[in-house]
Amino acid sequence: MKLFVGLGNPGAKYAANRHNIGFMALDRIAADHGFGSWQKKFQGEICQGMLGGAKVSLLKPMTFMNLSGQAVGEAMRFYQLEPADLMVFHDELDLAPGKLRLKQGGGHAGHNGLRSLHAHVGPEYARVRLGIGHPGHKDRVAPYVLSDFAKSDQDWLDDLLRGISDGAAALASGDGARFSNAVALRTGPVRKSSPPAPKPTKEPAPAPASPPQEEDTRSPLQKLMDKFR
Protein backbone atom coordinates (compact mmCIF):
# COMPACT_ATOMS: atom_id res chain seq x y z
CA MET A 1 0.00 0.00 0.00
CA LYS A 2 1.07 3.59 -0.70
CA LEU A 3 0.43 6.49 1.66
CA PHE A 4 -0.12 9.89 0.04
CA VAL A 5 0.06 12.72 2.58
CA GLY A 6 -1.04 16.28 1.94
CA LEU A 7 0.24 19.01 4.25
CA GLY A 8 -1.94 21.87 5.44
CA ASN A 9 -3.81 23.30 8.41
CA PRO A 10 -7.27 22.15 9.55
CA GLY A 11 -10.39 24.30 9.58
CA ALA A 12 -12.32 26.56 7.22
CA LYS A 13 -10.11 29.52 8.14
CA TYR A 14 -7.14 27.94 6.38
CA ALA A 15 -8.90 25.92 3.66
CA ALA A 16 -7.98 28.23 0.74
CA ASN A 17 -4.51 29.21 2.02
CA ARG A 18 -1.42 28.71 -0.12
CA HIS A 19 -0.03 26.57 2.72
CA ASN A 20 -2.94 24.14 2.16
CA ILE A 21 -2.23 23.22 -1.44
CA GLY A 22 -1.24 19.73 -0.25
CA PHE A 23 -4.75 19.21 1.15
CA MET A 24 -6.20 20.50 -2.13
CA ALA A 25 -4.21 17.96 -4.15
CA LEU A 26 -5.52 15.03 -2.08
CA ASP A 27 -9.10 16.32 -2.25
CA ARG A 28 -8.91 16.40 -6.06
CA ILE A 29 -7.46 12.88 -6.26
CA ALA A 30 -10.12 11.51 -3.90
CA ALA A 31 -12.97 13.18 -5.81
CA ASP A 32 -11.78 12.22 -9.30
CA HIS A 33 -10.86 8.60 -8.54
CA GLY A 34 -13.85 7.52 -6.47
CA PHE A 35 -12.13 7.13 -3.10
CA GLY A 36 -14.20 6.31 -0.03
CA SER A 37 -15.40 8.94 2.44
CA TRP A 38 -12.94 10.70 4.72
CA GLN A 39 -12.65 9.15 8.19
CA LYS A 40 -11.11 10.62 11.35
CA LYS A 41 -8.09 8.51 12.25
CA PHE A 42 -4.39 8.89 13.11
CA GLN A 43 -4.91 12.50 14.29
CA GLY A 44 -6.07 13.30 10.80
CA GLU A 45 -8.54 12.50 8.04
CA ILE A 46 -7.95 9.48 5.86
CA CYS A 47 -9.64 7.78 2.92
CA GLN A 48 -8.70 4.82 0.76
CA GLY A 49 -9.08 3.77 -2.84
CA MET A 50 -7.29 2.37 -5.87
CA LEU A 51 -5.03 4.18 -8.32
CA GLY A 52 -4.38 1.89 -11.23
CA GLY A 53 -3.61 -1.42 -9.58
CA ALA A 54 -2.25 0.09 -6.36
CA LYS A 55 -4.09 0.47 -3.08
CA VAL A 56 -3.56 4.00 -1.76
CA SER A 57 -4.45 5.77 1.49
CA LEU A 58 -4.78 9.55 1.45
CA LEU A 59 -3.99 11.27 4.75
CA LYS A 60 -4.52 14.90 5.75
CA PRO A 61 -2.98 15.52 9.21
CA MET A 62 -5.27 17.57 11.45
CA THR A 63 -2.54 18.44 13.95
CA PHE A 64 -1.66 21.78 12.31
CA MET A 65 1.35 22.01 10.01
CA ASN A 66 4.08 22.08 12.66
CA LEU A 67 3.01 18.69 14.08
CA SER A 68 2.23 16.87 10.82
CA GLY A 69 4.77 14.15 11.53
CA GLN A 70 2.76 12.86 14.50
CA ALA A 71 -0.16 11.82 12.30
CA VAL A 72 2.04 10.45 9.54
CA GLY A 73 4.19 8.42 11.92
CA GLU A 74 1.11 6.93 13.57
CA ALA A 75 -0.38 5.90 10.22
CA MET A 76 2.87 4.38 9.00
CA ARG A 77 3.30 2.30 12.13
CA PHE A 78 -0.28 1.06 11.91
CA TYR A 79 0.06 -0.02 8.27
CA GLN A 80 3.67 -1.16 8.75
CA LEU A 81 4.92 1.08 5.97
CA GLU A 82 8.44 2.18 5.10
CA PRO A 83 9.55 5.66 3.97
CA ALA A 84 9.64 4.27 0.41
CA ASP A 85 5.83 3.86 0.63
CA LEU A 86 5.28 7.53 1.54
CA MET A 87 4.61 10.43 -0.86
CA VAL A 88 4.15 13.93 0.60
CA PHE A 89 2.45 16.83 -1.23
CA HIS A 90 3.48 20.26 0.07
CA ASP A 91 3.73 23.92 -0.88
CA GLU A 92 7.09 25.12 -2.19
CA LEU A 93 8.20 28.76 -2.02
CA ASP A 94 11.23 28.20 -4.24
CA LEU A 95 9.16 27.16 -7.27
CA ALA A 96 7.17 29.53 -9.45
CA PRO A 97 3.38 29.32 -9.09
CA GLY A 98 2.00 26.31 -10.93
CA LYS A 99 5.34 24.51 -11.25
CA LEU A 100 5.81 21.03 -9.81
CA ARG A 101 8.88 18.98 -9.01
CA LEU A 102 9.40 15.51 -7.59
CA LYS A 103 12.11 15.00 -4.99
CA GLN A 104 13.39 11.91 -3.20
CA GLY A 105 14.75 12.48 0.29
CA GLY A 106 16.84 15.50 1.28
CA GLY A 107 16.44 18.33 3.76
CA HIS A 108 13.34 20.19 4.86
CA ALA A 109 14.56 23.68 3.74
CA GLY A 110 12.84 25.29 6.75
CA HIS A 111 9.37 23.98 5.90
CA ASN A 112 7.77 23.28 9.29
CA GLY A 113 5.62 20.41 8.05
CA LEU A 114 8.62 18.65 6.53
CA ARG A 115 10.67 19.40 9.63
CA SER A 116 8.08 17.52 11.72
CA LEU A 117 8.05 14.62 9.25
CA HIS A 118 11.83 14.36 9.46
CA ALA A 119 11.58 14.08 13.24
CA HIS A 120 9.00 11.27 13.11
CA VAL A 121 9.78 9.21 10.00
CA GLY A 122 13.23 10.38 8.84
CA PRO A 123 14.13 12.21 5.63
CA GLU A 124 14.02 9.36 3.10
CA TYR A 125 10.53 9.87 1.74
CA ALA A 126 9.40 11.23 -1.63
CA ARG A 127 7.87 14.66 -2.04
CA VAL A 128 5.73 16.40 -4.62
CA ARG A 129 6.80 20.04 -4.38
CA LEU A 130 3.99 22.36 -5.46
CA GLY A 131 5.15 25.83 -6.45
CA ILE A 132 3.37 28.81 -4.91
CA GLY A 133 6.06 31.43 -5.56
CA HIS A 134 7.91 33.61 -3.05
CA PRO A 135 6.68 36.96 -1.67
CA GLY A 136 10.12 38.46 -2.18
CA HIS A 137 11.37 38.85 1.41
CA LYS A 138 11.66 36.32 4.23
CA ASP A 139 9.74 38.60 6.62
CA ARG A 140 6.68 38.31 4.38
CA VAL A 141 6.71 34.50 4.10
CA ALA A 142 4.43 33.69 7.06
CA PRO A 143 1.55 36.02 6.09
CA TYR A 144 1.98 35.02 2.45
CA VAL A 145 1.62 31.26 2.93
CA LEU A 146 -1.24 31.78 5.41
CA SER A 147 -3.23 33.93 3.00
CA ASP A 148 -5.65 32.66 0.36
CA PHE A 149 -4.76 32.18 -3.27
CA ALA A 150 -5.69 35.25 -5.29
CA LYS A 151 -8.44 35.16 -7.91
CA SER A 152 -5.75 35.51 -10.56
CA ASP A 153 -4.22 32.24 -9.31
CA GLN A 154 -7.33 30.14 -9.84
CA ASP A 155 -6.71 29.12 -13.45
CA TRP A 156 -3.19 27.79 -12.96
CA LEU A 157 -4.15 26.25 -9.62
CA ASP A 158 -7.03 24.33 -11.18
CA ASP A 159 -4.80 23.16 -14.06
CA LEU A 160 -2.15 21.98 -11.60
CA LEU A 161 -4.63 20.03 -9.45
CA ARG A 162 -6.22 18.45 -12.53
CA GLY A 163 -2.79 17.40 -13.76
CA ILE A 164 -1.94 15.84 -10.40
CA SER A 165 -5.18 13.85 -10.51
CA ASP A 166 -4.53 12.80 -14.12
CA GLY A 167 -1.12 11.42 -13.20
CA ALA A 168 -1.96 10.01 -9.76
CA ALA A 169 -2.04 6.37 -10.93
CA ALA A 170 1.39 6.75 -12.51
CA LEU A 171 2.72 8.26 -9.29
CA ALA A 172 1.31 5.36 -7.25
CA SER A 173 3.04 2.87 -9.57
CA GLY A 174 6.37 4.66 -9.18
CA ASP A 175 6.47 6.17 -12.67
CA GLY A 176 7.50 9.72 -11.83
CA ALA A 177 8.21 10.66 -15.44
CA ARG A 178 4.72 9.73 -16.62
CA PHE A 179 3.23 11.60 -13.65
CA SER A 180 5.20 14.73 -14.50
CA ASN A 181 4.17 14.46 -18.14
CA ALA A 182 0.49 14.28 -17.14
CA VAL A 183 0.89 17.46 -15.11
CA ALA A 184 2.77 19.19 -17.94
CA LEU A 185 -0.06 18.44 -20.37
CA ARG A 186 -2.38 20.45 -18.13
CA THR A 187 -0.04 23.24 -17.09
CA GLY A 188 2.21 23.72 -20.10
CA PRO A 189 1.58 26.49 -22.62
CA VAL A 190 -0.72 25.59 -25.47
CA ARG A 191 1.31 25.08 -28.58
CA LYS A 192 -0.33 26.38 -31.72
CA SER A 193 0.15 24.03 -34.61
CA SER A 194 2.00 25.56 -37.52
CA PRO A 195 0.05 25.87 -40.77
CA PRO A 196 1.08 23.31 -43.37
CA ALA A 197 3.75 24.50 -45.74
CA PRO A 198 2.36 25.40 -49.14
CA LYS A 199 2.96 22.78 -51.81
CA PRO A 200 5.46 23.91 -54.40
CA THR A 201 3.74 24.94 -57.62
CA LYS A 202 4.90 23.27 -60.80
CA GLU A 203 6.19 25.72 -63.35
CA PRO A 204 4.84 25.10 -66.85
CA ALA A 205 7.19 23.11 -69.03
CA PRO A 206 8.94 25.26 -71.58
CA ALA A 207 7.54 25.06 -75.11
CA PRO A 208 9.68 22.97 -77.45
CA ALA A 209 12.06 25.15 -79.32
CA SER A 210 11.27 25.67 -82.98
CA PRO A 211 13.87 24.22 -85.34
CA PRO A 212 16.18 26.88 -86.68
CA GLN A 213 15.06 28.32 -90.04
CA GLU A 214 17.57 28.09 -92.89
CA GLU A 215 18.25 31.34 -94.68
CA ASP A 216 16.48 31.53 -98.08
CA THR A 217 19.15 32.44 -100.64
CA ARG A 218 16.96 32.11 -103.76
CA SER A 219 16.58 35.04 -106.07
CA PRO A 220 13.10 36.53 -106.64
CA LEU A 221 12.98 34.87 -110.07
CA GLN A 222 13.79 31.45 -108.61
CA LYS A 223 11.12 31.88 -105.93
CA LEU A 224 8.54 32.69 -108.64
CA MET A 225 9.58 29.71 -110.79
CA ASP A 226 9.48 27.37 -107.74
CA LYS A 227 5.96 28.55 -106.95
CA PHE A 228 4.63 27.28 -110.29
CA ARG A 229 6.40 23.97 -110.28
C-alpha atoms as a PDB file:
ATOM      1  CA  MET A   1       0.000   0.000   0.000  1.00  0.00           C
ATOM      2  CA  LYS A   2       1.070   3.586  -0.695  1.00  0.00           C
ATOM      3  CA  LEU A   3       0.427   6.488   1.662  1.00  0.00           C
ATOM      4  CA  PHE A   4      -0.122   9.886   0.038  1.00  0.00           C
ATOM      5  CA  VAL A   5       0.059  12.717   2.581  1.00  0.00           C
ATOM      6  CA  GLY A   6      -1.045  16.281   1.940  1.00  0.00           C
ATOM      7  CA  LEU A   7       0.235  19.012   4.246  1.00  0.00           C
ATOM      8  CA  GLY A   8      -1.936  21.868   5.445  1.00  0.00           C
ATOM      9  CA  ASN A   9      -3.807  23.296   8.412  1.00  0.00           C
ATOM     10  CA  PRO A  10      -7.275  22.154   9.547  1.00  0.00           C
ATOM     11  CA  GLY A  11     -10.387  24.300   9.579  1.00  0.00           C
ATOM     12  CA  ALA A  12     -12.320  26.560   7.223  1.00  0.00           C
ATOM     13  CA  LYS A  13     -10.112  29.525   8.139  1.00  0.00           C
ATOM     14  CA  TYR A  14      -7.141  27.938   6.383  1.00  0.00           C
ATOM     15  CA  ALA A  15      -8.895  25.920   3.657  1.00  0.00           C
ATOM     16  CA  ALA A  16      -7.980  28.232   0.736  1.00  0.00           C
ATOM     17  CA  ASN A  17      -4.506  29.209   2.021  1.00  0.00           C
ATOM     18  CA  ARG A  18      -1.418  28.711  -0.117  1.00  0.00           C
ATOM     19  CA  HIS A  19      -0.034  26.571   2.722  1.00  0.00           C
ATOM     20  CA  ASN A  20      -2.938  24.141   2.159  1.00  0.00           C
ATOM     21  CA  ILE A  21      -2.231  23.217  -1.436  1.00  0.00           C
ATOM     22  CA  GLY A  22      -1.237  19.725  -0.247  1.00  0.00           C
ATOM     23  CA  PHE A  23      -4.752  19.209   1.145  1.00  0.00           C
ATOM     24  CA  MET A  24      -6.205  20.497  -2.129  1.00  0.00           C
ATOM     25  CA  ALA A  25      -4.206  17.956  -4.147  1.00  0.00           C
ATOM     26  CA  LEU A  26      -5.523  15.032  -2.083  1.00  0.00           C
ATOM     27  CA  ASP A  27      -9.100  16.319  -2.247  1.00  0.00           C
ATOM     28  CA  ARG A  28      -8.906  16.398  -6.055  1.00  0.00           C
ATOM     29  CA  ILE A  29      -7.456  12.877  -6.258  1.00  0.00           C
ATOM     30  CA  ALA A  30     -10.122  11.510  -3.904  1.00  0.00           C
ATOM     31  CA  ALA A  31     -12.971  13.176  -5.810  1.00  0.00           C
ATOM     32  CA  ASP A  32     -11.776  12.216  -9.299  1.00  0.00           C
ATOM     33  CA  HIS A  33     -10.865   8.598  -8.535  1.00  0.00           C
ATOM     34  CA  GLY A  34     -13.854   7.518  -6.466  1.00  0.00           C
ATOM     35  CA  PHE A  35     -12.133   7.127  -3.103  1.00  0.00           C
ATOM     36  CA  GLY A  36     -14.200   6.311  -0.025  1.00  0.00           C
ATOM     37  CA  SER A  37     -15.396   8.939   2.435  1.00  0.00           C
ATOM     38  CA  TRP A  38     -12.942  10.697   4.717  1.00  0.00           C
ATOM     39  CA  GLN A  39     -12.646   9.151   8.190  1.00  0.00           C
ATOM     40  CA  LYS A  40     -11.110  10.624  11.345  1.00  0.00           C
ATOM     41  CA  LYS A  41      -8.089   8.511  12.250  1.00  0.00           C
ATOM     42  CA  PHE A  42      -4.394   8.894  13.106  1.00  0.00           C
ATOM     43  CA  GLN A  43      -4.911  12.497  14.287  1.00  0.00           C
ATOM     44  CA  GLY A  44      -6.074  13.299  10.803  1.00  0.00           C
ATOM     45  CA  GLU A  45      -8.539  12.500   8.041  1.00  0.00           C
ATOM     46  CA  ILE A  46      -7.950   9.477   5.856  1.00  0.00           C
ATOM     47  CA  CYS A  47      -9.637   7.777   2.918  1.00  0.00           C
ATOM     48  CA  GLN A  48      -8.702   4.819   0.756  1.00  0.00           C
ATOM     49  CA  GLY A  49      -9.084   3.773  -2.844  1.00  0.00           C
ATOM     50  CA  MET A  50      -7.291   2.374  -5.872  1.00  0.00           C
ATOM     51  CA  LEU A  51      -5.029   4.183  -8.316  1.00  0.00           C
ATOM     52  CA  GLY A  52      -4.383   1.887 -11.231  1.00  0.00           C
ATOM     53  CA  GLY A  53      -3.606  -1.420  -9.581  1.00  0.00           C
ATOM     54  CA  ALA A  54      -2.253   0.086  -6.360  1.00  0.00           C
ATOM     55  CA  LYS A  55      -4.094   0.472  -3.077  1.00  0.00           C
ATOM     56  CA  VAL A  56      -3.562   4.000  -1.763  1.00  0.00           C
ATOM     57  CA  SER A  57      -4.449   5.767   1.487  1.00  0.00           C
ATOM     58  CA  LEU A  58      -4.776   9.547   1.448  1.00  0.00           C
ATOM     59  CA  LEU A  59      -3.994  11.274   4.750  1.00  0.00           C
ATOM     60  CA  LYS A  60      -4.519  14.902   5.750  1.00  0.00           C
ATOM     61  CA  PRO A  61      -2.977  15.517   9.206  1.00  0.00           C
ATOM     62  CA  MET A  62      -5.274  17.573  11.449  1.00  0.00           C
ATOM     63  CA  THR A  63      -2.544  18.440  13.945  1.00  0.00           C
ATOM     64  CA  PHE A  64      -1.655  21.776  12.307  1.00  0.00           C
ATOM     65  CA  MET A  65       1.351  22.005  10.010  1.00  0.00           C
ATOM     66  CA  ASN A  66       4.085  22.076  12.655  1.00  0.00           C
ATOM     67  CA  LEU A  67       3.014  18.687  14.084  1.00  0.00           C
ATOM     68  CA  SER A  68       2.228  16.870  10.824  1.00  0.00           C
ATOM     69  CA  GLY A  69       4.772  14.154  11.528  1.00  0.00           C
ATOM     70  CA  GLN A  70       2.764  12.856  14.505  1.00  0.00           C
ATOM     71  CA  ALA A  71      -0.164  11.816  12.304  1.00  0.00           C
ATOM     72  CA  VAL A  72       2.045  10.451   9.538  1.00  0.00           C
ATOM     73  CA  GLY A  73       4.190   8.422  11.920  1.00  0.00           C
ATOM     74  CA  GLU A  74       1.108   6.926  13.574  1.00  0.00           C
ATOM     75  CA  ALA A  75      -0.383   5.897  10.219  1.00  0.00           C
ATOM     76  CA  MET A  76       2.875   4.382   8.997  1.00  0.00           C
ATOM     77  CA  ARG A  77       3.304   2.300  12.130  1.00  0.00           C
ATOM     78  CA  PHE A  78      -0.281   1.055  11.913  1.00  0.00           C
ATOM     79  CA  TYR A  79       0.059  -0.022   8.268  1.00  0.00           C
ATOM     80  CA  GLN A  80       3.674  -1.159   8.749  1.00  0.00           C
ATOM     81  CA  LEU A  81       4.923   1.078   5.966  1.00  0.00           C
ATOM     82  CA  GLU A  82       8.443   2.182   5.104  1.00  0.00           C
ATOM     83  CA  PRO A  83       9.547   5.656   3.972  1.00  0.00           C
ATOM     84  CA  ALA A  84       9.637   4.266   0.413  1.00  0.00           C
ATOM     85  CA  ASP A  85       5.830   3.862   0.628  1.00  0.00           C
ATOM     86  CA  LEU A  86       5.285   7.530   1.544  1.00  0.00           C
ATOM     87  CA  MET A  87       4.615  10.430  -0.857  1.00  0.00           C
ATOM     88  CA  VAL A  88       4.149  13.931   0.601  1.00  0.00           C
ATOM     89  CA  PHE A  89       2.450  16.828  -1.232  1.00  0.00           C
ATOM     90  CA  HIS A  90       3.479  20.255   0.067  1.00  0.00           C
ATOM     91  CA  ASP A  91       3.733  23.920  -0.881  1.00  0.00           C
ATOM     92  CA  GLU A  92       7.091  25.120  -2.193  1.00  0.00           C
ATOM     93  CA  LEU A  93       8.199  28.760  -2.022  1.00  0.00           C
ATOM     94  CA  ASP A  94      11.232  28.195  -4.244  1.00  0.00           C
ATOM     95  CA  LEU A  95       9.164  27.157  -7.271  1.00  0.00           C
ATOM     96  CA  ALA A  96       7.166  29.528  -9.452  1.00  0.00           C
ATOM     97  CA  PRO A  97       3.381  29.321  -9.092  1.00  0.00           C
ATOM     98  CA  GLY A  98       2.001  26.313 -10.929  1.00  0.00           C
ATOM     99  CA  LYS A  99       5.339  24.510 -11.245  1.00  0.00           C
ATOM    100  CA  LEU A 100       5.810  21.032  -9.811  1.00  0.00           C
ATOM    101  CA  ARG A 101       8.883  18.977  -9.008  1.00  0.00           C
ATOM    102  CA  LEU A 102       9.403  15.509  -7.592  1.00  0.00           C
ATOM    103  CA  LYS A 103      12.105  15.000  -4.993  1.00  0.00           C
ATOM    104  CA  GLN A 104      13.390  11.915  -3.201  1.00  0.00           C
ATOM    105  CA  GLY A 105      14.752  12.484   0.290  1.00  0.00           C
ATOM    106  CA  GLY A 106      16.842  15.496   1.283  1.00  0.00           C
ATOM    107  CA  GLY A 107      16.440  18.329   3.759  1.00  0.00           C
ATOM    108  CA  HIS A 108      13.338  20.190   4.857  1.00  0.00           C
ATOM    109  CA  ALA A 109      14.559  23.684   3.741  1.00  0.00           C
ATOM    110  CA  GLY A 110      12.838  25.288   6.749  1.00  0.00           C
ATOM    111  CA  HIS A 111       9.367  23.976   5.904  1.00  0.00           C
ATOM    112  CA  ASN A 112       7.770  23.283   9.285  1.00  0.00           C
ATOM    113  CA  GLY A 113       5.619  20.413   8.051  1.00  0.00           C
ATOM    114  CA  LEU A 114       8.617  18.647   6.534  1.00  0.00           C
ATOM    115  CA  ARG A 115      10.668  19.399   9.628  1.00  0.00           C
ATOM    116  CA  SER A 116       8.084  17.519  11.718  1.00  0.00           C
ATOM    117  CA  LEU A 117       8.052  14.617   9.255  1.00  0.00           C
ATOM    118  CA  HIS A 118      11.831  14.365   9.458  1.00  0.00           C
ATOM    119  CA  ALA A 119      11.577  14.078  13.240  1.00  0.00           C
ATOM    120  CA  HIS A 120       9.002  11.266  13.115  1.00  0.00           C
ATOM    121  CA  VAL A 121       9.783   9.206   9.995  1.00  0.00           C
ATOM    122  CA  GLY A 122      13.226  10.379   8.843  1.00  0.00           C
ATOM    123  CA  PRO A 123      14.133  12.214   5.627  1.00  0.00           C
ATOM    124  CA  GLU A 124      14.024   9.357   3.097  1.00  0.00           C
ATOM    125  CA  TYR A 125      10.528   9.865   1.742  1.00  0.00           C
ATOM    126  CA  ALA A 126       9.396  11.226  -1.628  1.00  0.00           C
ATOM    127  CA  ARG A 127       7.873  14.662  -2.038  1.00  0.00           C
ATOM    128  CA  VAL A 128       5.728  16.398  -4.621  1.00  0.00           C
ATOM    129  CA  ARG A 129       6.801  20.040  -4.378  1.00  0.00           C
ATOM    130  CA  LEU A 130       3.988  22.360  -5.458  1.00  0.00           C
ATOM    131  CA  GLY A 131       5.152  25.828  -6.449  1.00  0.00           C
ATOM    132  CA  ILE A 132       3.375  28.812  -4.911  1.00  0.00           C
ATOM    133  CA  GLY A 133       6.055  31.433  -5.557  1.00  0.00           C
ATOM    134  CA  HIS A 134       7.911  33.605  -3.046  1.00  0.00           C
ATOM    135  CA  PRO A 135       6.680  36.955  -1.667  1.00  0.00           C
ATOM    136  CA  GLY A 136      10.121  38.463  -2.182  1.00  0.00           C
ATOM    137  CA  HIS A 137      11.368  38.845   1.410  1.00  0.00           C
ATOM    138  CA  LYS A 138      11.655  36.318   4.226  1.00  0.00           C
ATOM    139  CA  ASP A 139       9.744  38.604   6.616  1.00  0.00           C
ATOM    140  CA  ARG A 140       6.678  38.311   4.385  1.00  0.00           C
ATOM    141  CA  VAL A 141       6.710  34.502   4.098  1.00  0.00           C
ATOM    142  CA  ALA A 142       4.431  33.690   7.057  1.00  0.00           C
ATOM    143  CA  PRO A 143       1.555  36.016   6.089  1.00  0.00           C
ATOM    144  CA  TYR A 144       1.982  35.024   2.451  1.00  0.00           C
ATOM    145  CA  VAL A 145       1.618  31.259   2.932  1.00  0.00           C
ATOM    146  CA  LEU A 146      -1.238  31.779   5.415  1.00  0.00           C
ATOM    147  CA  SER A 147      -3.234  33.926   2.996  1.00  0.00           C
ATOM    148  CA  ASP A 148      -5.653  32.656   0.360  1.00  0.00           C
ATOM    149  CA  PHE A 149      -4.763  32.182  -3.266  1.00  0.00           C
ATOM    150  CA  ALA A 150      -5.692  35.254  -5.290  1.00  0.00           C
ATOM    151  CA  LYS A 151      -8.438  35.163  -7.907  1.00  0.00           C
ATOM    152  CA  SER A 152      -5.748  35.509 -10.556  1.00  0.00           C
ATOM    153  CA  ASP A 153      -4.222  32.237  -9.306  1.00  0.00           C
ATOM    154  CA  GLN A 154      -7.334  30.144  -9.838  1.00  0.00           C
ATOM    155  CA  ASP A 155      -6.712  29.117 -13.449  1.00  0.00           C
ATOM    156  CA  TRP A 156      -3.193  27.794 -12.962  1.00  0.00           C
ATOM    157  CA  LEU A 157      -4.151  26.247  -9.618  1.00  0.00           C
ATOM    158  CA  ASP A 158      -7.033  24.327 -11.183  1.00  0.00           C
ATOM    159  CA  ASP A 159      -4.805  23.162 -14.059  1.00  0.00           C
ATOM    160  CA  LEU A 160      -2.152  21.975 -11.596  1.00  0.00           C
ATOM    161  CA  LEU A 161      -4.625  20.034  -9.450  1.00  0.00           C
ATOM    162  CA  ARG A 162      -6.218  18.449 -12.526  1.00  0.00           C
ATOM    163  CA  GLY A 163      -2.793  17.400 -13.760  1.00  0.00           C
ATOM    164  CA  ILE A 164      -1.942  15.841 -10.395  1.00  0.00           C
ATOM    165  CA  SER A 165      -5.176  13.854 -10.508  1.00  0.00           C
ATOM    166  CA  ASP A 166      -4.534  12.797 -14.124  1.00  0.00           C
ATOM    167  CA  GLY A 167      -1.122  11.421 -13.196  1.00  0.00           C
ATOM    168  CA  ALA A 168      -1.961  10.012  -9.760  1.00  0.00           C
ATOM    169  CA  ALA A 169      -2.045   6.375 -10.931  1.00  0.00           C
ATOM    170  CA  ALA A 170       1.389   6.745 -12.512  1.00  0.00           C
ATOM    171  CA  LEU A 171       2.720   8.258  -9.285  1.00  0.00           C
ATOM    172  CA  ALA A 172       1.313   5.356  -7.248  1.00  0.00           C
ATOM    173  CA  SER A 173       3.036   2.873  -9.571  1.00  0.00           C
ATOM    174  CA  GLY A 174       6.368   4.655  -9.178  1.00  0.00           C
ATOM    175  CA  ASP A 175       6.466   6.170 -12.668  1.00  0.00           C
ATOM    176  CA  GLY A 176       7.499   9.718 -11.833  1.00  0.00           C
ATOM    177  CA  ALA A 177       8.215  10.662 -15.438  1.00  0.00           C
ATOM    178  CA  ARG A 178       4.721   9.734 -16.617  1.00  0.00           C
ATOM    179  CA  PHE A 179       3.226  11.599 -13.653  1.00  0.00           C
ATOM    180  CA  SER A 180       5.204  14.733 -14.496  1.00  0.00           C
ATOM    181  CA  ASN A 181       4.166  14.461 -18.145  1.00  0.00           C
ATOM    182  CA  ALA A 182       0.493  14.275 -17.144  1.00  0.00           C
ATOM    183  CA  VAL A 183       0.890  17.459 -15.113  1.00  0.00           C
ATOM    184  CA  ALA A 184       2.766  19.189 -17.935  1.00  0.00           C
ATOM    185  CA  LEU A 185      -0.056  18.436 -20.375  1.00  0.00           C
ATOM    186  CA  ARG A 186      -2.384  20.449 -18.132  1.00  0.00           C
ATOM    187  CA  THR A 187      -0.045  23.238 -17.091  1.00  0.00           C
ATOM    188  CA  GLY A 188       2.212  23.716 -20.103  1.00  0.00           C
ATOM    189  CA  PRO A 189       1.584  26.493 -22.620  1.00  0.00           C
ATOM    190  CA  VAL A 190      -0.724  25.588 -25.466  1.00  0.00           C
ATOM    191  CA  ARG A 191       1.313  25.080 -28.575  1.00  0.00           C
ATOM    192  CA  LYS A 192      -0.331  26.379 -31.716  1.00  0.00           C
ATOM    193  CA  SER A 193       0.152  24.034 -34.607  1.00  0.00           C
ATOM    194  CA  SER A 194       1.999  25.562 -37.524  1.00  0.00           C
ATOM    195  CA  PRO A 195       0.046  25.868 -40.775  1.00  0.00           C
ATOM    196  CA  PRO A 196       1.079  23.305 -43.369  1.00  0.00           C
ATOM    197  CA  ALA A 197       3.751  24.499 -45.742  1.00  0.00           C
ATOM    198  CA  PRO A 198       2.365  25.402 -49.145  1.00  0.00           C
ATOM    199  CA  LYS A 199       2.957  22.778 -51.806  1.00  0.00           C
ATOM    200  CA  PRO A 200       5.464  23.906 -54.405  1.00  0.00           C
ATOM    201  CA  THR A 201       3.744  24.939 -57.615  1.00  0.00           C
ATOM    202  CA  LYS A 202       4.895  23.272 -60.801  1.00  0.00           C
ATOM    203  CA  GLU A 203       6.192  25.719 -63.352  1.00  0.00           C
ATOM    204  CA  PRO A 204       4.845  25.101 -66.850  1.00  0.00           C
ATOM    205  CA  ALA A 205       7.185  23.107 -69.028  1.00  0.00           C
ATOM    206  CA  PRO A 206       8.943  25.265 -71.579  1.00  0.00           C
ATOM    207  CA  ALA A 207       7.542  25.060 -75.107  1.00  0.00           C
ATOM    208  CA  PRO A 208       9.676  22.974 -77.447  1.00  0.00           C
ATOM    209  CA  ALA A 209      12.056  25.155 -79.322  1.00  0.00           C
ATOM    210  CA  SER A 210      11.274  25.672 -82.983  1.00  0.00           C
ATOM    211  CA  PRO A 211      13.866  24.218 -85.341  1.00  0.00           C
ATOM    212  CA  PRO A 212      16.177  26.875 -86.685  1.00  0.00           C
ATOM    213  CA  GLN A 213      15.062  28.324 -90.041  1.00  0.00           C
ATOM    214  CA  GLU A 214      17.568  28.092 -92.893  1.00  0.00           C
ATOM    215  CA  GLU A 215      18.251  31.342 -94.682  1.00  0.00           C
ATOM    216  CA  ASP A 216      16.475  31.531 -98.077  1.00  0.00           C
ATOM    217  CA  THR A 217      19.153  32.444-100.640  1.00  0.00           C
ATOM    218  CA  ARG A 218      16.957  32.114-103.762  1.00  0.00           C
ATOM    219  CA  SER A 219      16.582  35.036-106.065  1.00  0.00           C
ATOM    220  CA  PRO A 220      13.103  36.534-106.642  1.00  0.00           C
ATOM    221  CA  LEU A 221      12.975  34.872-110.067  1.00  0.00           C
ATOM    222  CA  GLN A 222      13.788  31.454-108.605  1.00  0.00           C
ATOM    223  CA  LYS A 223      11.124  31.878-105.933  1.00  0.00           C
ATOM    224  CA  LEU A 224       8.545  32.691-108.637  1.00  0.00           C
ATOM    225  CA  MET A 225       9.580  29.715-110.785  1.00  0.00           C
ATOM    226  CA  ASP A 226       9.478  27.371-107.738  1.00  0.00           C
ATOM    227  CA  LYS A 227       5.962  28.548-106.954  1.00  0.00           C
ATOM    228  CA  PHE A 228       4.632  27.280-110.292  1.00  0.00           C
ATOM    229  CA  ARG A 229       6.405  23.970-110.280  1.00  0.00           C
END
